[in-house]
Amino acid sequence: MKDSTVSARVELDVKTEAEDILQKLGVPVSVVINSLYRQIIYRHGVPFSLTIPAEPVTIDSMSDAELDTKLQHSDRQSIAKQGRAMDDVFDDLERSLK
């Protein structure tokens, strides 16, 4: 049962930008805060690196031609069985987050 309130002072632009992103994702702020608290408990610490990462390339930042090229390349790799097993990829991702 949710019976406690968290209150924090944050910069307006940070709050606005974060809430805009969460709204686009369809995730309520309370769900993110609750998830963060649970991860802090689970990991006995902050569950993410406190460094500024390189900005990833996203679909939104690609032109249609760039996206099409990447998708065609991935399709060719898949057909040629040149990809990696999904479990291996996720294992690597999990290791990189620790």
N, C-alpha and C. Protein backbone atom coordinates (compact mmCIF):
# COMPACT_ATOMS: atom_id res chain seq x y z
N MET A 1 0.84 -1.18 0.00
CA MET A 1 0.00 0.00 0.00
C MET A 1 0.89 1.24 0.00
N LYS A 2 0.58 2.15 -0.89
CA LYS A 2 1.34 3.40 -0.98
C LYS A 2 0.73 4.39 0.01
N ASP A 3 1.50 4.70 1.06
CA ASP A 3 0.96 5.58 2.10
C ASP A 3 1.95 6.63 2.56
N SER A 4 2.94 6.94 1.71
CA SER A 4 3.93 7.93 2.07
C SER A 4 4.18 8.85 0.87
N THR A 5 4.54 10.08 1.18
CA THR A 5 4.78 11.07 0.15
C THR A 5 6.25 11.48 0.17
N VAL A 6 6.83 11.65 -1.00
CA VAL A 6 8.19 12.14 -1.15
C VAL A 6 8.11 13.54 -1.72
N SER A 7 8.86 14.45 -1.14
CA SER A 7 8.88 15.82 -1.63
C SER A 7 10.34 16.23 -1.84
N ALA A 8 10.63 16.80 -3.00
CA ALA A 8 12.00 17.21 -3.30
C ALA A 8 11.98 18.50 -4.09
N ARG A 9 12.94 19.35 -3.84
CA ARG A 9 13.09 20.59 -4.60
C ARG A 9 14.05 20.31 -5.76
N VAL A 10 13.60 20.57 -6.98
CA VAL A 10 14.44 20.38 -8.16
C VAL A 10 14.34 21.61 -9.04
N GLU A 11 15.30 21.75 -9.93
CA GLU A 11 15.28 22.87 -10.87
C GLU A 11 14.09 22.70 -11.81
N LEU A 12 13.40 23.78 -12.11
CA LEU A 12 12.19 23.73 -12.92
C LEU A 12 12.45 23.12 -14.29
N ASP A 13 13.56 23.51 -14.95
CA ASP A 13 13.81 22.98 -16.29
C ASP A 13 14.10 21.48 -16.26
N VAL A 14 14.76 21.01 -15.21
CA VAL A 14 15.03 19.58 -15.07
C VAL A 14 13.72 18.82 -14.87
N LYS A 15 12.87 19.34 -13.99
CA LYS A 15 11.57 18.73 -13.73
C LYS A 15 10.72 18.67 -15.00
N THR A 16 10.66 19.78 -15.70
CA THR A 16 9.84 19.87 -16.91
C THR A 16 10.33 18.90 -17.98
N GLU A 17 11.63 18.90 -18.22
CA GLU A 17 12.17 18.02 -19.26
C GLU A 17 11.96 16.55 -18.91
N ALA A 18 12.23 16.19 -17.66
CA ALA A 18 12.06 14.80 -17.24
C ALA A 18 10.60 14.38 -17.33
N GLU A 19 9.69 15.23 -16.87
CA GLU A 19 8.27 14.88 -16.91
C GLU A 19 7.75 14.80 -18.34
N ASP A 20 8.28 15.62 -19.24
CA ASP A 20 7.89 15.53 -20.65
C ASP A 20 8.31 14.18 -21.23
N ILE A 21 9.51 13.74 -20.91
CA ILE A 21 10.00 12.45 -21.39
C ILE A 21 9.16 11.32 -20.82
N LEU A 22 8.91 11.37 -19.52
CA LEU A 22 8.11 10.32 -18.89
C LEU A 22 6.70 10.27 -19.47
N GLN A 23 6.14 11.44 -19.76
CA GLN A 23 4.80 11.48 -20.36
C GLN A 23 4.81 10.79 -21.73
N LYS A 24 5.84 11.07 -22.53
CA LYS A 24 5.96 10.43 -23.85
C LYS A 24 6.09 8.92 -23.72
N LEU A 25 6.77 8.47 -22.65
CA LEU A 25 6.94 7.05 -22.40
C LEU A 25 5.70 6.42 -21.78
N GLY A 26 4.79 7.26 -21.29
CA GLY A 26 3.59 6.76 -20.64
C GLY A 26 3.84 6.22 -19.24
N VAL A 27 4.87 6.77 -18.57
CA VAL A 27 5.25 6.30 -17.24
C VAL A 27 5.01 7.42 -16.23
N PRO A 28 4.18 7.17 -15.21
CA PRO A 28 3.97 8.18 -14.18
C PRO A 28 5.23 8.44 -13.35
N VAL A 29 5.40 9.67 -12.90
CA VAL A 29 6.56 10.04 -12.09
C VAL A 29 6.63 9.16 -10.85
N SER A 30 5.49 8.90 -10.23
CA SER A 30 5.49 8.10 -9.00
C SER A 30 6.04 6.70 -9.23
N VAL A 31 5.79 6.13 -10.39
CA VAL A 31 6.31 4.79 -10.71
C VAL A 31 7.84 4.84 -10.80
N VAL A 32 8.37 5.89 -11.40
CA VAL A 32 9.83 6.02 -11.53
C VAL A 32 10.47 6.20 -10.15
N ILE A 33 9.88 7.04 -9.32
CA ILE A 33 10.43 7.27 -7.98
C ILE A 33 10.38 5.99 -7.16
N ASN A 34 9.25 5.29 -7.19
CA ASN A 34 9.12 4.04 -6.46
C ASN A 34 10.14 3.01 -6.96
N SER A 35 10.32 2.93 -8.27
CA SER A 35 11.29 2.00 -8.84
C SER A 35 12.71 2.36 -8.42
N LEU A 36 13.03 3.64 -8.40
CA LEU A 36 14.36 4.09 -7.98
C LEU A 36 14.61 3.69 -6.53
N TYR A 37 13.66 3.95 -5.66
CA TYR A 37 13.81 3.59 -4.25
C TYR A 37 14.01 2.08 -4.09
N ARG A 38 13.25 1.29 -4.84
CA ARG A 38 13.39 -0.17 -4.75
C ARG A 38 14.77 -0.62 -5.21
N GLN A 39 15.29 0.01 -6.27
CA GLN A 39 16.62 -0.34 -6.75
C GLN A 39 17.71 0.07 -5.76
N ILE A 40 17.54 1.19 -5.10
CA ILE A 40 18.49 1.62 -4.06
C ILE A 40 18.54 0.57 -2.95
N ILE A 41 17.38 0.09 -2.54
CA ILE A 41 17.32 -0.95 -1.51
C ILE A 41 17.98 -2.23 -2.02
N TYR A 42 17.62 -2.64 -3.22
CA TYR A 42 18.12 -3.89 -3.79
C TYR A 42 19.64 -3.88 -3.94
N ARG A 43 20.18 -2.76 -4.41
CA ARG A 43 21.62 -2.67 -4.69
C ARG A 43 22.43 -2.08 -3.53
N HIS A 44 21.73 -1.62 -2.51
CA HIS A 44 22.40 -0.96 -1.38
C HIS A 44 23.23 0.23 -1.86
N GLY A 45 22.69 0.97 -2.79
CA GLY A 45 23.36 2.14 -3.33
C GLY A 45 22.61 2.68 -4.53
N VAL A 46 23.14 3.71 -5.12
CA VAL A 46 22.53 4.32 -6.30
C VAL A 46 22.68 3.34 -7.47
N PRO A 47 21.58 3.02 -8.18
CA PRO A 47 21.62 1.96 -9.19
C PRO A 47 22.12 2.37 -10.57
N PHE A 48 22.86 3.45 -10.65
CA PHE A 48 23.38 3.88 -11.93
C PHE A 48 24.64 4.68 -11.71
N SER A 49 25.43 4.77 -12.76
CA SER A 49 26.67 5.52 -12.70
C SER A 49 26.36 7.01 -12.64
N LEU A 50 27.09 7.72 -11.85
CA LEU A 50 26.88 9.16 -11.74
C LEU A 50 27.90 9.91 -12.59
N THR A 51 28.03 9.48 -13.84
CA THR A 51 28.89 10.15 -14.80
C THR A 51 28.03 10.60 -15.98
N ILE A 52 28.57 11.48 -16.77
CA ILE A 52 27.85 11.94 -17.95
C ILE A 52 28.21 11.02 -19.11
N PRO A 53 27.26 10.22 -19.58
CA PRO A 53 27.56 9.29 -20.67
C PRO A 53 27.58 10.00 -22.03
N ALA A 54 28.20 9.35 -23.00
CA ALA A 54 28.14 9.85 -24.37
C ALA A 54 26.69 9.74 -24.84
N GLU A 55 26.26 10.69 -25.61
CA GLU A 55 24.87 10.68 -26.08
C GLU A 55 24.69 9.58 -27.12
N PRO A 56 23.76 8.65 -26.87
CA PRO A 56 23.55 7.57 -27.83
C PRO A 56 22.83 8.06 -29.09
N VAL A 57 23.03 7.35 -30.17
CA VAL A 57 22.31 7.64 -31.40
C VAL A 57 20.95 6.98 -31.27
N THR A 58 19.89 7.75 -31.46
CA THR A 58 18.54 7.21 -31.36
C THR A 58 17.84 7.27 -32.71
N ILE A 59 16.77 6.54 -32.82
CA ILE A 59 15.99 6.54 -34.05
C ILE A 59 15.52 7.96 -34.37
N ASP A 60 15.17 8.72 -33.33
CA ASP A 60 14.68 10.08 -33.55
C ASP A 60 15.73 10.99 -34.17
N SER A 61 17.01 10.67 -33.95
CA SER A 61 18.07 11.54 -34.48
C SER A 61 18.54 11.10 -35.87
N MET A 62 18.02 9.98 -36.37
CA MET A 62 18.42 9.48 -37.69
C MET A 62 17.46 9.95 -38.78
N SER A 63 18.01 10.12 -39.95
CA SER A 63 17.15 10.38 -41.10
C SER A 63 16.50 9.05 -41.50
N ASP A 64 15.48 9.13 -42.33
CA ASP A 64 14.83 7.90 -42.82
C ASP A 64 15.84 7.03 -43.57
N ALA A 65 16.71 7.66 -44.34
CA ALA A 65 17.71 6.90 -45.12
C ALA A 65 18.70 6.19 -44.19
N GLU A 66 19.15 6.89 -43.13
CA GLU A 66 20.08 6.27 -42.18
C GLU A 66 19.43 5.08 -41.47
N LEU A 67 18.19 5.25 -41.05
CA LEU A 67 17.48 4.17 -40.38
C LEU A 67 17.29 2.99 -41.33
N ASP A 68 16.89 3.27 -42.55
CA ASP A 68 16.69 2.22 -43.53
C ASP A 68 17.99 1.44 -43.77
N THR A 69 19.10 2.16 -43.88
CA THR A 69 20.40 1.52 -44.09
C THR A 69 20.75 0.60 -42.93
N LYS A 70 20.55 1.07 -41.70
CA LYS A 70 20.84 0.26 -40.52
C LYS A 70 19.95 -0.97 -40.46
N LEU A 71 18.67 -0.81 -40.76
CA LEU A 71 17.75 -1.94 -40.73
C LEU A 71 18.11 -2.97 -41.79
N GLN A 72 18.47 -2.51 -43.00
CA GLN A 72 18.88 -3.44 -44.05
C GLN A 72 20.14 -4.21 -43.65
N HIS A 73 21.09 -3.49 -43.06
CA HIS A 73 22.34 -4.12 -42.60
C HIS A 73 22.02 -5.19 -41.55
N SER A 74 21.17 -4.86 -40.59
CA SER A 74 20.79 -5.81 -39.54
C SER A 74 20.08 -7.02 -40.13
N ASP A 75 19.22 -6.78 -41.11
CA ASP A 75 18.51 -7.89 -41.75
C ASP A 75 19.49 -8.82 -42.45
N ARG A 76 20.46 -8.25 -43.17
CA ARG A 76 21.47 -9.08 -43.85
C ARG A 76 22.28 -9.90 -42.84
N GLN A 77 22.66 -9.27 -41.72
CA GLN A 77 23.41 -9.98 -40.68
C GLN A 77 22.57 -11.14 -40.11
N SER A 78 21.32 -10.88 -39.87
CA SER A 78 20.44 -11.91 -39.32
C SER A 78 20.31 -13.09 -40.26
N ILE A 79 20.09 -12.81 -41.53
CA ILE A 79 19.95 -13.88 -42.53
C ILE A 79 21.25 -14.69 -42.63
N ALA A 80 22.39 -14.01 -42.53
CA ALA A 80 23.68 -14.68 -42.62
C ALA A 80 24.12 -15.28 -41.28
N LYS A 81 23.26 -15.19 -40.27
CA LYS A 81 23.55 -15.70 -38.93
C LYS A 81 24.84 -15.10 -38.37
N GLN A 82 25.03 -13.80 -38.60
CA GLN A 82 26.22 -13.11 -38.12
C GLN A 82 25.96 -12.36 -36.82
N GLY A 83 24.76 -12.41 -36.32
CA GLY A 83 24.43 -11.69 -35.09
C GLY A 83 24.91 -12.42 -33.86
N ARG A 84 24.61 -11.85 -32.72
CA ARG A 84 24.94 -12.45 -31.43
C ARG A 84 23.67 -12.94 -30.77
N ALA A 85 23.81 -13.94 -29.94
CA ALA A 85 22.66 -14.45 -29.20
C ALA A 85 22.14 -13.36 -28.26
N MET A 86 20.82 -13.24 -28.17
CA MET A 86 20.21 -12.21 -27.35
C MET A 86 20.69 -12.31 -25.90
N ASP A 87 20.80 -13.52 -25.36
CA ASP A 87 21.26 -13.68 -23.98
C ASP A 87 22.66 -13.11 -23.79
N ASP A 88 23.53 -13.31 -24.78
CA ASP A 88 24.89 -12.76 -24.68
C ASP A 88 24.88 -11.23 -24.67
N VAL A 89 24.05 -10.65 -25.51
CA VAL A 89 23.96 -9.19 -25.57
C VAL A 89 23.48 -8.64 -24.23
N PHE A 90 22.42 -9.24 -23.67
CA PHE A 90 21.90 -8.76 -22.40
C PHE A 90 22.86 -9.00 -21.26
N ASP A 91 23.59 -10.12 -21.29
CA ASP A 91 24.62 -10.36 -20.27
C ASP A 91 25.69 -9.26 -20.31
N ASP A 92 26.12 -8.90 -21.51
CA ASP A 92 27.10 -7.83 -21.66
C ASP A 92 26.56 -6.50 -21.15
N LEU A 93 25.30 -6.22 -21.48
CA LEU A 93 24.68 -4.98 -21.01
C LEU A 93 24.62 -4.94 -19.48
N GLU A 94 24.23 -6.04 -18.87
CA GLU A 94 24.15 -6.08 -17.41
C GLU A 94 25.52 -5.90 -16.78
N ARG A 95 26.55 -6.53 -17.36
CA ARG A 95 27.91 -6.37 -16.82
C ARG A 95 28.36 -4.92 -16.93
N SER A 96 28.00 -4.25 -18.03
CA SER A 96 28.44 -2.86 -18.21
C SER A 96 27.74 -1.91 -17.25
N LEU A 97 26.60 -2.31 -16.70
CA LEU A 97 25.87 -1.45 -15.77
C LEU A 97 26.31 -1.62 -14.33
N LYS A 98 27.13 -2.61 -14.06
CA LYS A 98 27.59 -2.86 -12.68
C LYS A 98 28.82 -2.06 -12.35
